[in-house]
Amino acid sequence: MLNLLKIVVLSSCITAFSVNAADTETLDKTNNRLTEISGVMQSINEELNSQRSNIRALKSRIDADQKEDKAFRNSVLRELRQLRRQNETYER
């Protein structure tokens, strides 16, 4: 009877260990996946930061180009006005 009791206790310990081992394996897989996802998220965040930086640089360049364009247009308009005045003077 004592041997039977030992077998039952050992059997339940082995079963508990098997469940525990399966849980541990599942937790390890989950942790590995979370680590992988964390790495992917970090990579995405780095790429987003890089894209934001590029966008800021492009906006800056657009602003500078718009100022340059406006200055050029104003210059052309001044020259056109001067030419019209000169033309009016010659026509009189």
PDB file of N, CA and C in Angstrom:
ATOM      1  N   MET A   1       0.810  -1.185   0.000  1.00  0.00           N
ATOM      2  CA  MET A   1       0.000   0.000   0.000  1.00  0.00           C
ATOM      3  C   MET A   1       0.854   1.248   0.000  1.00  0.00           C
ATOM      4  N   LEU A   2       1.920   1.198   0.770  1.00  0.00           N
ATOM      5  CA  LEU A   2       2.833   2.327   0.840  1.00  0.00           C
ATOM      6  C   LEU A   2       3.481   2.577  -0.519  1.00  0.00           C
ATOM      7  N   ASN A   3       3.804   1.512  -1.209  1.00  0.00           N
ATOM      8  CA  ASN A   3       4.382   1.640  -2.549  1.00  0.00           C
ATOM      9  C   ASN A   3       3.386   2.276  -3.507  1.00  0.00           C
ATOM     10  N   LEU A   4       2.151   1.900  -3.384  1.00  0.00           N
ATOM     11  CA  LEU A   4       1.106   2.473  -4.226  1.00  0.00           C
ATOM     12  C   LEU A   4       0.970   3.963  -3.960  1.00  0.00           C
ATOM     13  N   LEU A   5       1.038   4.340  -2.685  1.00  0.00           N
ATOM     14  CA  LEU A   5       0.950   5.746  -2.302  1.00  0.00           C
ATOM     15  C   LEU A   5       2.141   6.522  -2.873  1.00  0.00           C
ATOM     16  N   LYS A   6       3.339   5.940  -2.821  1.00  0.00           N
ATOM     17  CA  LYS A   6       4.518   6.582  -3.389  1.00  0.00           C
ATOM     18  C   LYS A   6       4.355   6.780  -4.893  1.00  0.00           C
ATOM     19  N   ILE A   7       3.812   5.779  -5.546  1.00  0.00           N
ATOM     20  CA  ILE A   7       3.613   5.859  -6.999  1.00  0.00           C
ATOM     21  C   ILE A   7       2.620   6.972  -7.334  1.00  0.00           C
ATOM     22  N   VAL A   8       1.547   7.057  -6.559  1.00  0.00           N
ATOM     23  CA  VAL A   8       0.536   8.095  -6.794  1.00  0.00           C
ATOM     24  C   VAL A   8       1.152   9.477  -6.593  1.00  0.00           C
ATOM     25  N   VAL A   9       1.916   9.652  -5.523  1.00  0.00           N
ATOM     26  CA  VAL A   9       2.543  10.947  -5.226  1.00  0.00           C
ATOM     27  C   VAL A   9       3.551  11.293  -6.313  1.00  0.00           C
ATOM     28  N   LEU A  10       4.388  10.329  -6.691  1.00  0.00           N
ATOM     29  CA  LEU A  10       5.365  10.578  -7.749  1.00  0.00           C
ATOM     30  C   LEU A  10       4.687  10.883  -9.073  1.00  0.00           C
ATOM     31  N   SER A  11       3.621  10.179  -9.338  1.00  0.00           N
ATOM     32  CA  SER A  11       2.879  10.400 -10.573  1.00  0.00           C
ATOM     33  C   SER A  11       2.295  11.811 -10.614  1.00  0.00           C
ATOM     34  N   SER A  12       1.747  12.248  -9.504  1.00  0.00           N
ATOM     35  CA  SER A  12       1.174  13.599  -9.473  1.00  0.00           C
ATOM     36  C   SER A  12       2.269  14.656  -9.575  1.00  0.00           C
ATOM     37  N   CYS A  13       3.432  14.387  -9.004  1.00  0.00           N
ATOM     38  CA  CYS A  13       4.564  15.316  -9.124  1.00  0.00           C
ATOM     39  C   CYS A  13       5.031  15.420 -10.566  1.00  0.00           C
ATOM     40  N   ILE A  14       5.118  14.290 -11.227  1.00  0.00           N
ATOM     41  CA  ILE A  14       5.536  14.270 -12.635  1.00  0.00           C
ATOM     42  C   ILE A  14       4.524  15.015 -13.484  1.00  0.00           C
ATOM     43  N   THR A  15       3.228  14.809 -13.234  1.00  0.00           N
ATOM     44  CA  THR A  15       2.181  15.504 -13.972  1.00  0.00           C
ATOM     45  C   THR A  15       2.277  17.010 -13.722  1.00  0.00           C
ATOM     46  N   ALA A  16       2.466  17.370 -12.468  1.00  0.00           N
ATOM     47  CA  ALA A  16       2.593  18.788 -12.130  1.00  0.00           C
ATOM     48  C   ALA A  16       3.817  19.379 -12.812  1.00  0.00           C
ATOM     49  N   PHE A  17       4.924  18.624 -12.826  1.00  0.00           N
ATOM     50  CA  PHE A  17       6.127  19.097 -13.488  1.00  0.00           C
ATOM     51  C   PHE A  17       5.908  19.242 -14.982  1.00  0.00           C
ATOM     52  N   SER A  18       5.202  18.310 -15.596  1.00  0.00           N
ATOM     53  CA  SER A  18       4.925  18.364 -17.032  1.00  0.00           C
ATOM     54  C   SER A  18       4.094  19.600 -17.361  1.00  0.00           C
ATOM     55  N   VAL A  19       3.087  19.870 -16.574  1.00  0.00           N
ATOM     56  CA  VAL A  19       2.257  21.061 -16.798  1.00  0.00           C
ATOM     57  C   VAL A  19       3.109  22.306 -16.597  1.00  0.00           C
ATOM     58  N   ASN A  20       3.910  22.285 -15.541  1.00  0.00           N
ATOM     59  CA  ASN A  20       4.770  23.417 -15.256  1.00  0.00           C
ATOM     60  C   ASN A  20       5.777  23.622 -16.383  1.00  0.00           C
ATOM     61  N   ALA A  21       6.334  22.537 -16.904  1.00  0.00           N
ATOM     62  CA  ALA A  21       7.297  22.633 -18.000  1.00  0.00           C
ATOM     63  C   ALA A  21       6.616  23.197 -19.248  1.00  0.00           C
ATOM     64  N   ALA A  22       5.383  22.739 -19.504  1.00  0.00           N
ATOM     65  CA  ALA A  22       4.634  23.254 -20.661  1.00  0.00           C
ATOM     66  C   ALA A  22       4.343  24.738 -20.471  1.00  0.00           C
ATOM     67  N   ASP A  23       3.963  25.114 -19.235  1.00  0.00           N
ATOM     68  CA  ASP A  23       3.711  26.534 -18.962  1.00  0.00           C
ATOM     69  C   ASP A  23       4.977  27.357 -19.156  1.00  0.00           C
ATOM     70  N   THR A  24       6.090  26.809 -18.692  1.00  0.00           N
ATOM     71  CA  THR A  24       7.371  27.504 -18.828  1.00  0.00           C
ATOM     72  C   THR A  24       7.734  27.672 -20.296  1.00  0.00           C
ATOM     73  N   GLU A  25       7.523  26.625 -21.061  1.00  0.00           N
ATOM     74  CA  GLU A  25       7.812  26.697 -22.492  1.00  0.00           C
ATOM     75  C   GLU A  25       6.932  27.744 -23.166  1.00  0.00           C
ATOM     76  N   THR A  26       5.650  27.764 -22.795  1.00  0.00           N
ATOM     77  CA  THR A  26       4.728  28.753 -23.349  1.00  0.00           C
ATOM     78  C   THR A  26       5.153  30.165 -22.960  1.00  0.00           C
ATOM     79  N   LEU A  27       5.547  30.324 -21.700  1.00  0.00           N
ATOM     80  CA  LEU A  27       6.012  31.637 -21.242  1.00  0.00           C
ATOM     81  C   LEU A  27       7.285  32.056 -21.972  1.00  0.00           C
ATOM     82  N   ASP A  28       8.187  31.111 -22.189  1.00  0.00           N
ATOM     83  CA  ASP A  28       9.414  31.419 -22.922  1.00  0.00           C
ATOM     84  C   ASP A  28       9.095  31.863 -24.343  1.00  0.00           C
ATOM     85  N   LYS A  29       8.197  31.129 -24.994  1.00  0.00           N
ATOM     86  CA  LYS A  29       7.809  31.501 -26.361  1.00  0.00           C
ATOM     87  C   LYS A  29       7.157  32.876 -26.378  1.00  0.00           C
ATOM     88  N   THR A  30       6.291  33.123 -25.399  1.00  0.00           N
ATOM     89  CA  THR A  30       5.615  34.418 -25.307  1.00  0.00           C
ATOM     90  C   THR A  30       6.629  35.534 -25.077  1.00  0.00           C
ATOM     91  N   ASN A  31       7.563  35.302 -24.165  1.00  0.00           N
ATOM     92  CA  ASN A  31       8.600  36.308 -23.899  1.00  0.00           C
ATOM     93  C   ASN A  31       9.459  36.573 -25.121  1.00  0.00           C
ATOM     94  N   ASN A  32       9.819  35.510 -25.824  1.00  0.00           N
ATOM     95  CA  ASN A  32      10.606  35.676 -27.054  1.00  0.00           C
ATOM     96  C   ASN A  32       9.837  36.490 -28.086  1.00  0.00           C
ATOM     97  N   ARG A  33       8.563  36.205 -28.222  1.00  0.00           N
ATOM     98  CA  ARG A  33       7.725  36.935 -29.194  1.00  0.00           C
ATOM     99  C   ARG A  33       7.592  38.403 -28.787  1.00  0.00           C
ATOM    100  N   LEU A  34       7.407  38.640 -27.480  1.00  0.00           N
ATOM    101  CA  LEU A  34       7.310  40.020 -26.998  1.00  0.00           C
ATOM    102  C   LEU A  34       8.615  40.775 -27.230  1.00  0.00           C
ATOM    103  N   THR A  35       9.737  40.107 -27.029  1.00  0.00           N
ATOM    104  CA  THR A  35      11.036  40.726 -27.292  1.00  0.00           C
ATOM    105  C   THR A  35      11.171  41.061 -28.774  1.00  0.00           C
ATOM    106  N   GLU A  36      10.736  40.128 -29.615  1.00  0.00           N
ATOM    107  CA  GLU A  36      10.778  40.352 -31.065  1.00  0.00           C
ATOM    108  C   GLU A  36       9.891  41.539 -31.451  1.00  0.00           C
ATOM    109  N   ILE A  37       8.682  41.578 -30.910  1.00  0.00           N
ATOM    110  CA  ILE A  37       7.750  42.674 -31.203  1.00  0.00           C
ATOM    111  C   ILE A  37       8.315  44.000 -30.700  1.00  0.00           C
ATOM    112  N   SER A  38       8.936  43.966 -29.534  1.00  0.00           N
ATOM    113  CA  SER A  38       9.550  45.179 -28.984  1.00  0.00           C
ATOM    114  C   SER A  38      10.640  45.697 -29.917  1.00  0.00           C
ATOM    115  N   GLY A  39      11.436  44.799 -30.451  1.00  0.00           N
ATOM    116  CA  GLY A  39      12.481  45.182 -31.411  1.00  0.00           C
ATOM    117  C   GLY A  39      11.895  45.791 -32.668  1.00  0.00           C
ATOM    118  N   VAL A  40      10.813  45.192 -33.159  1.00  0.00           N
ATOM    119  CA  VAL A  40      10.144  45.720 -34.351  1.00  0.00           C
ATOM    120  C   VAL A  40       9.587  47.111 -34.065  1.00  0.00           C
ATOM    121  N   MET A  41       8.972  47.267 -32.899  1.00  0.00           N
ATOM    122  CA  MET A  41       8.413  48.576 -32.535  1.00  0.00           C
ATOM    123  C   MET A  41       9.517  49.628 -32.429  1.00  0.00           C
ATOM    124  N   GLN A  42      10.646  49.254 -31.861  1.00  0.00           N
ATOM    125  CA  GLN A  42      11.768  50.192 -31.747  1.00  0.00           C
ATOM    126  C   GLN A  42      12.263  50.586 -33.137  1.00  0.00           C
ATOM    127  N   SER A  43      12.345  49.618 -34.020  1.00  0.00           N
ATOM    128  CA  SER A  43      12.771  49.891 -35.393  1.00  0.00           C
ATOM    129  C   SER A  43      11.791  50.833 -36.089  1.00  0.00           C
ATOM    130  N   ILE A  44      10.502  50.586 -35.887  1.00  0.00           N
ATOM    131  CA  ILE A  44       9.476  51.447 -36.486  1.00  0.00           C
ATOM    132  C   ILE A  44       9.583  52.858 -35.922  1.00  0.00           C
ATOM    133  N   ASN A  45       9.769  52.982 -34.612  1.00  0.00           N
ATOM    134  CA  ASN A  45       9.900  54.306 -33.997  1.00  0.00           C
ATOM    135  C   ASN A  45      11.122  55.046 -34.527  1.00  0.00           C
ATOM    136  N   GLU A  46      12.225  54.339 -34.713  1.00  0.00           N
ATOM    137  CA  GLU A  46      13.423  54.969 -35.269  1.00  0.00           C
ATOM    138  C   GLU A  46      13.157  55.450 -36.691  1.00  0.00           C
ATOM    139  N   GLU A  47      12.471  54.632 -37.472  1.00  0.00           N
ATOM    140  CA  GLU A  47      12.137  55.019 -38.848  1.00  0.00           C
ATOM    141  C   GLU A  47      11.197  56.223 -38.859  1.00  0.00           C
ATOM    142  N   LEU A  48      10.220  56.229 -37.951  1.00  0.00           N
ATOM    143  CA  LEU A  48       9.312  57.374 -37.863  1.00  0.00           C
ATOM    144  C   LEU A  48      10.062  58.646 -37.489  1.00  0.00           C
ATOM    145  N   ASN A  49      10.981  58.546 -36.543  1.00  0.00           N
ATOM    146  CA  ASN A  49      11.783  59.712 -36.164  1.00  0.00           C
ATOM    147  C   ASN A  49      12.605  60.215 -37.342  1.00  0.00           C
ATOM    148  N   SER A  50      13.158  59.290 -38.099  1.00  0.00           N
ATOM    149  CA  SER A  50      13.924  59.664 -39.288  1.00  0.00           C
ATOM    150  C   SER A  50      13.020  60.350 -40.310  1.00  0.00           C
ATOM    151  N   GLN A  51      11.824  59.802 -40.515  1.00  0.00           N
ATOM    152  CA  GLN A  51      10.877  60.398 -41.460  1.00  0.00           C
ATOM    153  C   GLN A  51      10.452  61.792 -40.996  1.00  0.00           C
ATOM    154  N   ARG A  52      10.206  61.940 -39.695  1.00  0.00           N
ATOM    155  CA  ARG A  52       9.843  63.264 -39.169  1.00  0.00           C
ATOM    156  C   ARG A  52      10.952  64.270 -39.426  1.00  0.00           C
ATOM    157  N   SER A  53      12.180  63.839 -39.214  1.00  0.00           N
ATOM    158  CA  SER A  53      13.323  64.714 -39.455  1.00  0.00           C
ATOM    159  C   SER A  53      13.399  65.105 -40.932  1.00  0.00           C
ATOM    160  N   ASN A  54      13.198  64.139 -41.813  1.00  0.00           N
ATOM    161  CA  ASN A  54      13.197  64.426 -43.254  1.00  0.00           C
ATOM    162  C   ASN A  54      12.081  65.394 -43.624  1.00  0.00           C
ATOM    163  N   ILE A  55      10.915  65.193 -43.042  1.00  0.00           N
ATOM    164  CA  ILE A  55       9.769  66.071 -43.331  1.00  0.00           C
ATOM    165  C   ILE A  55      10.073  67.495 -42.867  1.00  0.00           C
ATOM    166  N   ARG A  56      10.650  67.640 -41.677  1.00  0.00           N
ATOM    167  CA  ARG A  56      11.013  68.976 -41.187  1.00  0.00           C
ATOM    168  C   ARG A  56      12.001  69.649 -42.138  1.00  0.00           C
ATOM    169  N   ALA A  57      12.988  68.888 -42.600  1.00  0.00           N
ATOM    170  CA  ALA A  57      13.984  69.440 -43.525  1.00  0.00           C
ATOM    171  C   ALA A  57      13.321  69.847 -44.843  1.00  0.00           C
ATOM    172  N   LEU A  58      12.408  69.020 -45.337  1.00  0.00           N
ATOM    173  CA  LEU A  58      11.710  69.346 -46.580  1.00  0.00           C
ATOM    174  C   LEU A  58      10.835  70.589 -46.419  1.00  0.00           C
ATOM    175  N   LYS A  59      10.132  70.686 -45.285  1.00  0.00           N
ATOM    176  CA  LYS A  59       9.307  71.876 -45.042  1.00  0.00           C
ATOM    177  C   LYS A  59      10.177  73.129 -44.991  1.00  0.00           C
ATOM    178  N   SER A  60      11.322  73.009 -44.367  1.00  0.00           N
ATOM    179  CA  SER A  60      12.252  74.132 -44.285  1.00  0.00           C
ATOM    180  C   SER A  60      12.692  74.548 -45.684  1.00  0.00           C
ATOM    181  N   ARG A  61      13.009  73.563 -46.490  1.00  0.00           N
ATOM    182  CA  ARG A  61      13.444  73.841 -47.870  1.00  0.00           C
ATOM    183  C   ARG A  61      12.312  74.474 -48.675  1.00  0.00           C
ATOM    184  N   ILE A  62      11.097  73.986 -48.492  1.00  0.00           N
ATOM    185  CA  ILE A  62       9.944  74.555 -49.197  1.00  0.00           C
ATOM    186  C   ILE A  62       9.750  76.013 -48.789  1.00  0.00           C
ATOM    187  N   ASP A  63       9.846  76.287 -47.494  1.00  0.00           N
ATOM    188  CA  ASP A  63       9.707  77.663 -47.023  1.00  0.00           C
ATOM    189  C   ASP A  63      10.764  78.563 -47.657  1.00  0.00           C
ATOM    190  N   ALA A  64      11.995  78.101 -47.677  1.00  0.00           N
ATOM    191  CA  ALA A  64      13.082  78.886 -48.275  1.00  0.00           C
ATOM    192  C   ALA A  64      12.830  79.096 -49.762  1.00  0.00           C
ATOM    193  N   ASP A  65      12.397  78.045 -50.466  1.00  0.00           N
ATOM    194  CA  ASP A  65      12.104  78.167 -51.898  1.00  0.00           C
ATOM    195  C   ASP A  65      10.956  79.138 -52.150  1.00  0.00           C
ATOM    196  N   GLN A  66       9.937  79.108 -51.289  1.00  0.00           N
ATOM    197  CA  GLN A  66       8.808  80.022 -51.455  1.00  0.00           C
ATOM    198  C   GLN A  66       9.239  81.470 -51.255  1.00  0.00           C
ATOM    199  N   LYS A  67      10.093  81.719 -50.275  1.00  0.00           N
ATOM    200  CA  LYS A  67      10.605  83.076 -50.059  1.00  0.00           C
ATOM    201  C   LYS A  67      11.427  83.535 -51.265  1.00  0.00           C
ATOM    202  N   GLU A  68      12.260  82.632 -51.754  1.00  0.00           N
ATOM    203  CA  GLU A  68      13.081  82.959 -52.926  1.00  0.00           C
ATOM    204  C   GLU A  68      12.203  83.228 -54.138  1.00  0.00           C
ATOM    205  N   ASP A  69      11.173  82.419 -54.316  1.00  0.00           N
ATOM    206  CA  ASP A  69      10.245  82.584 -55.434  1.00  0.00           C
ATOM    207  C   ASP A  69       9.509  83.922 -55.334  1.00  0.00           C
ATOM    208  N   LYS A  70       9.065  84.265 -54.142  1.00  0.00           N
ATOM    209  CA  LYS A  70       8.354  85.529 -53.939  1.00  0.00           C
ATOM    210  C   LYS A  70       9.273  86.717 -54.242  1.00  0.00           C
ATOM    211  N   ALA A  71      10.501  86.635 -53.772  1.00  0.00           N
ATOM    212  CA  ALA A  71      11.466  87.705 -54.045  1.00  0.00           C
ATOM    213  C   ALA A  71      11.718  87.830 -55.545  1.00  0.00           C
ATOM    214  N   PHE A  72      11.842  86.701 -56.240  1.00  0.00           N
ATOM    215  CA  PHE A  72      12.062  86.713 -57.682  1.00  0.00           C
ATOM    216  C   PHE A  72      10.870  87.326 -58.410  1.00  0.00           C
ATOM    217  N   ARG A  73       9.660  86.938 -58.014  1.00  0.00           N
ATOM    218  CA  ARG A  73       8.456  87.502 -58.648  1.00  0.00           C
ATOM    219  C   ARG A  73       8.387  89.010 -58.447  1.00  0.00           C
ATOM    220  N   ASN A  74       8.665  89.431 -57.212  1.00  0.00           N
ATOM    221  CA  ASN A  74       8.642  90.870 -56.946  1.00  0.00           C
ATOM    222  C   ASN A  74       9.668  91.610 -57.799  1.00  0.00           C
ATOM    223  N   SER A  75      10.815  91.013 -57.960  1.00  0.00           N
ATOM    224  CA  SER A  75      11.860  91.608 -58.789  1.00  0.00           C
ATOM    225  C   SER A  75      11.398  91.717 -60.243  1.00  0.00           C
ATOM    226  N   VAL A  76      10.794  90.665 -60.753  1.00  0.00           N
ATOM    227  CA  VAL A  76      10.300  90.665 -62.137  1.00  0.00           C
ATOM    228  C   VAL A  76       9.191  91.715 -62.292  1.00  0.00           C
ATOM    229  N   LEU A  77       8.295  91.801 -61.319  1.00  0.00           N
ATOM    230  CA  LEU A  77       7.220  92.802 -61.394  1.00  0.00           C
ATOM    231  C   LEU A  77       7.787  94.222 -61.385  1.00  0.00           C
ATOM    232  N   ARG A  78       8.798  94.484 -60.568  1.00  0.00           N
ATOM    233  CA  ARG A  78       9.427  95.811 -60.556  1.00  0.00           C
ATOM    234  C   ARG A  78      10.036  96.142 -61.917  1.00  0.00           C
ATOM    235  N   GLU A  79      10.719  95.155 -62.484  1.00  0.00           N
ATOM    236  CA  GLU A  79      11.312  95.376 -63.802  1.00  0.00           C
ATOM    237  C   GLU A  79      10.238  95.630 -64.851  1.00  0.00           C
ATOM    238  N   LEU A  80       9.131  94.888 -64.787  1.00  0.00           N
ATOM    239  CA  LEU A  80       8.039  95.104 -65.746  1.00  0.00           C
ATOM    240  C   LEU A  80       7.459  96.510 -65.600  1.00  0.00           C
ATOM    241  N   ARG A  81       7.279  96.960 -64.368  1.00  0.00           N
ATOM    242  CA  ARG A  81       6.757  98.320 -64.149  1.00  0.00           C
ATOM    243  C   ARG A  81       7.704  99.365 -64.733  1.00  0.00           C
ATOM    244  N   GLN A  82       9.007  99.140 -64.499  1.00  0.00           N
ATOM    245  CA  GLN A  82       9.983 100.080 -65.036  1.00  0.00           C
ATOM    246  C   GLN A  82       9.946 100.097 -66.564  1.00  0.00           C
ATOM    247  N   LEU A  83       9.826  98.916 -67.167  1.00  0.00           N
ATOM    248  CA  LEU A  83       9.756  98.832 -68.630  1.00  0.00           C
ATOM    249  C   LEU A  83       8.498  99.504 -69.159  1.00  0.00           C
ATOM    250  N   ARG A  84       7.376  99.344 -68.462  1.00  0.00           N
ATOM    251  CA  ARG A  84       6.136  99.999 -68.886  1.00  0.00           C
ATOM    252  C   ARG A  84       6.294 101.520 -68.825  1.00  0.00           C
ATOM    253  N   ARG A  85       6.907 101.999 -67.736  1.00  0.00           N
ATOM    254  CA  ARG A  85       7.118 103.447 -67.607  1.00  0.00           C
ATOM    255  C   ARG A  85       8.012 103.970 -68.727  1.00  0.00           C
ATOM    256  N   GLN A  86       9.073 103.204 -68.990  1.00  0.00           N
ATOM    257  CA  GLN A  86       9.978 103.615 -70.070  1.00  0.00           C
ATOM    258  C   GLN A  86       9.239 103.613 -71.410  1.00  0.00           C
ATOM    259  N   ASN A  87       8.405 102.597 -71.611  1.00  0.00           N
ATOM    260  CA  ASN A  87       7.655 102.467 -72.859  1.00  0.00           C
ATOM    261  C   ASN A  87       6.672 103.627 -72.993  1.00  0.00           C
ATOM    262  N   GLU A  88       6.018 103.999 -71.897  1.00  0.00           N
ATOM    263  CA  GLU A  88       5.084 105.117 -71.911  1.00  0.00           C
ATOM    264  C   GLU A  88       5.820 106.432 -72.239  1.00  0.00           C
ATOM    265  N   THR A  89       7.025 106.548 -71.700  1.00  0.00           N
ATOM    266  CA  THR A  89       7.819 107.752 -71.948  1.00  0.00           C
ATOM    267  C   THR A  89       8.199 107.856 -73.423  1.00  0.00           C
ATOM    268  N   TYR A  90       8.562 106.770 -74.060  1.00  0.00           N
ATOM    269  CA  TYR A  90       8.946 106.770 -75.464  1.00  0.00           C
ATOM    270  C   TYR A  90       7.754 106.995 -76.364  1.00  0.00           C
ATOM    271  N   GLU A  91       6.580 106.538 -75.958  1.00  0.00           N
ATOM    272  CA  GLU A  91       5.395 106.679 -76.785  1.00  0.00           C
ATOM    273  C   GLU A  91       4.897 108.123 -76.809  1.00  0.00           C
ATOM    274  N   ARG A  92       5.229 108.905 -75.834  1.00  0.00           N
ATOM    275  CA  ARG A  92       4.749 110.300 -75.776  1.00  0.00           C
ATOM    276  C   ARG A  92       5.514 111.132 -76.689  1.00  0.00           C
TER     277      ARG A  92
END
